[in-house]
C-alpha atoms as a PDB file:
ATOM      1  CA  UNK A   1     -34.046  57.444  50.353  1.00  0.00           C
ATOM      2  CA  UNK A   2     -36.135  59.777  48.253  1.00  0.00           C
ATOM      3  CA  UNK A   3     -33.036  61.813  47.389  1.00  0.00           C
ATOM      4  CA  UNK A   4     -31.174  58.687  46.184  1.00  0.00           C
ATOM      5  CA  UNK A   5     -34.117  57.698  43.996  1.00  0.00           C
ATOM      6  CA  UNK A   6     -34.205  61.207  42.515  1.00  0.00           C
ATOM      7  CA  UNK A   7     -30.486  61.122  41.673  1.00  0.00           C
ATOM      8  CA  UNK A   8     -30.842  57.613  40.219  1.00  0.00           C
ATOM      9  CA  UNK A   9     -33.703  58.854  38.035  1.00  0.00           C
ATOM     10  CA  UNK A  10     -31.577  61.786  36.844  1.00  0.00           C
ATOM     11  CA  UNK A  11     -28.651  59.455  36.164  1.00  0.00           C
ATOM     12  CA  UNK A  12     -30.729  57.091  34.068  1.00  0.00           C
ATOM     13  CA  UNK A  13     -32.171  60.034  32.158  1.00  0.00           C
ATOM     14  CA  UNK A  14     -28.695  61.454  31.498  1.00  0.00           C
ATOM     15  CA  UNK A  15     -27.506  58.059  30.219  1.00  0.00           C
ATOM     16  CA  UNK A  16     -30.515  57.812  27.923  1.00  0.00           C
ATOM     17  CA  UNK A  17     -29.940  61.309  26.523  1.00  0.00           C
ATOM     18  CA  UNK A  18     -26.256  60.519  26.005  1.00  0.00           C
ATOM     19  CA  UNK A  19     -27.121  57.308  24.186  1.00  0.00           C
ATOM     20  CA  UNK A  20     -29.588  59.116  21.944  1.00  0.00           C
ATOM     21  CA  UNK A  21     -27.000  61.803  21.192  1.00  0.00           C
ATOM     22  CA  UNK A  22     -24.423  59.162  20.196  1.00  0.00           C
ATOM     23  CA  UNK A  23     -27.022  57.400  18.055  1.00  0.00           C
ATOM     24  CA  UNK A  24     -27.939  60.637  16.297  1.00  0.00           C
ATOM     25  CA  UNK A  25     -24.249  61.363  15.695  1.00  0.00           C
ATOM     26  CA  UNK A  26     -23.728  57.895  14.201  1.00  0.00           C
ATOM     27  CA  UNK A  27     -26.805  58.221  11.981  1.00  0.00           C
ATOM     28  CA  UNK A  28     -25.964  61.651  10.614  1.00  0.00           C
ATOM     29  CA  UNK A  29     -22.215  61.113  10.131  1.00  0.00           C
ATOM     30  CA  UNK A  30     -22.226  57.497   8.943  1.00  0.00           C
ATOM     31  CA  UNK A  31     -22.145  56.523   5.307  1.00  0.00           C
ATOM     32  CA  UNK A  32     -25.324  55.476   3.581  1.00  0.00           C
ATOM     33  CA  UNK A  33     -25.806  51.805   2.820  1.00  0.00           C
ATOM     34  CA  UNK A  34     -27.179  51.032  -0.605  1.00  0.00           C
ATOM     35  CA  UNK A  35     -28.614  47.663  -1.632  1.00  0.00           C
ATOM     36  CA  UNK A  36     -25.992  45.677  -3.493  1.00  0.00           C
ATOM     37  CA  UNK A  37     -22.989  47.420  -1.902  1.00  0.00           C
ATOM     38  CA  UNK A  38     -20.318  44.940  -0.850  1.00  0.00           C
ATOM     39  CA  UNK A  39     -19.678  44.487   2.852  1.00  0.00           C
ATOM     40  CA  UNK A  40     -15.997  45.004   3.640  1.00  0.00           C
ATOM     41  CA  UNK A  41     -14.756  42.666   6.331  1.00  0.00           C
ATOM     42  CA  UNK A  42     -11.171  43.252   7.360  1.00  0.00           C
ATOM     43  CA  UNK A  43      -9.167  40.318   8.634  1.00  0.00           C
ATOM     44  CA  UNK A  44      -5.515  39.511   8.946  1.00  0.00           C
ATOM     45  CA  UNK A  45      -4.018  38.084   5.734  1.00  0.00           C
ATOM     46  CA  UNK A  46      -2.226  35.295   7.634  1.00  0.00           C
ATOM     47  CA  UNK A  47      -5.336  34.214   9.566  1.00  0.00           C
ATOM     48  CA  UNK A  48      -6.286  30.543   9.146  1.00  0.00           C
ATOM     49  CA  UNK A  49      -9.225  29.674   6.936  1.00  0.00           C
ATOM     50  CA  UNK A  50     -11.693  27.538   8.837  1.00  0.00           C
ATOM     51  CA  UNK A  51     -13.906  26.931   5.827  1.00  0.00           C
ATOM     52  CA  UNK A  52     -11.390  24.661   4.082  1.00  0.00           C
ATOM     53  CA  UNK A  53     -11.359  21.000   4.973  1.00  0.00           C
ATOM     54  CA  UNK A  54      -8.106  19.689   6.365  1.00  0.00           C
ATOM     55  CA  UNK A  55      -7.591  16.031   5.324  1.00  0.00           C
ATOM     56  CA  UNK A  56      -5.248  15.386   8.261  1.00  0.00           C
ATOM     57  CA  UNK A  57      -7.885  16.372  10.801  1.00  0.00           C
ATOM     58  CA  UNK A  58     -10.600  14.335   9.061  1.00  0.00           C
ATOM     59  CA  UNK A  59      -8.532  11.164   9.012  1.00  0.00           C
ATOM     60  CA  UNK A  60      -7.535  11.568  12.661  1.00  0.00           C
ATOM     61  CA  UNK A  61     -11.201  11.825  13.704  1.00  0.00           C
ATOM     62  CA  UNK A  62     -12.061   8.473  12.119  1.00  0.00           C
ATOM     63  CA  UNK A  63      -9.800   6.468  14.411  1.00  0.00           C
END
């Protein structure tokens, strides 16, 4: 049982080191964000717009 706990401890430590390495890679290779820079959100051009009101749906909900 002690051997399993030791290997579990090593596994968790290896995962933590891997996560920190990926975080460091993302920090040092990512682009810098400046205040006022626009946020680019990519979406499909033919995607429906849910922010517009559809008069057909509004009238059908009143009934």
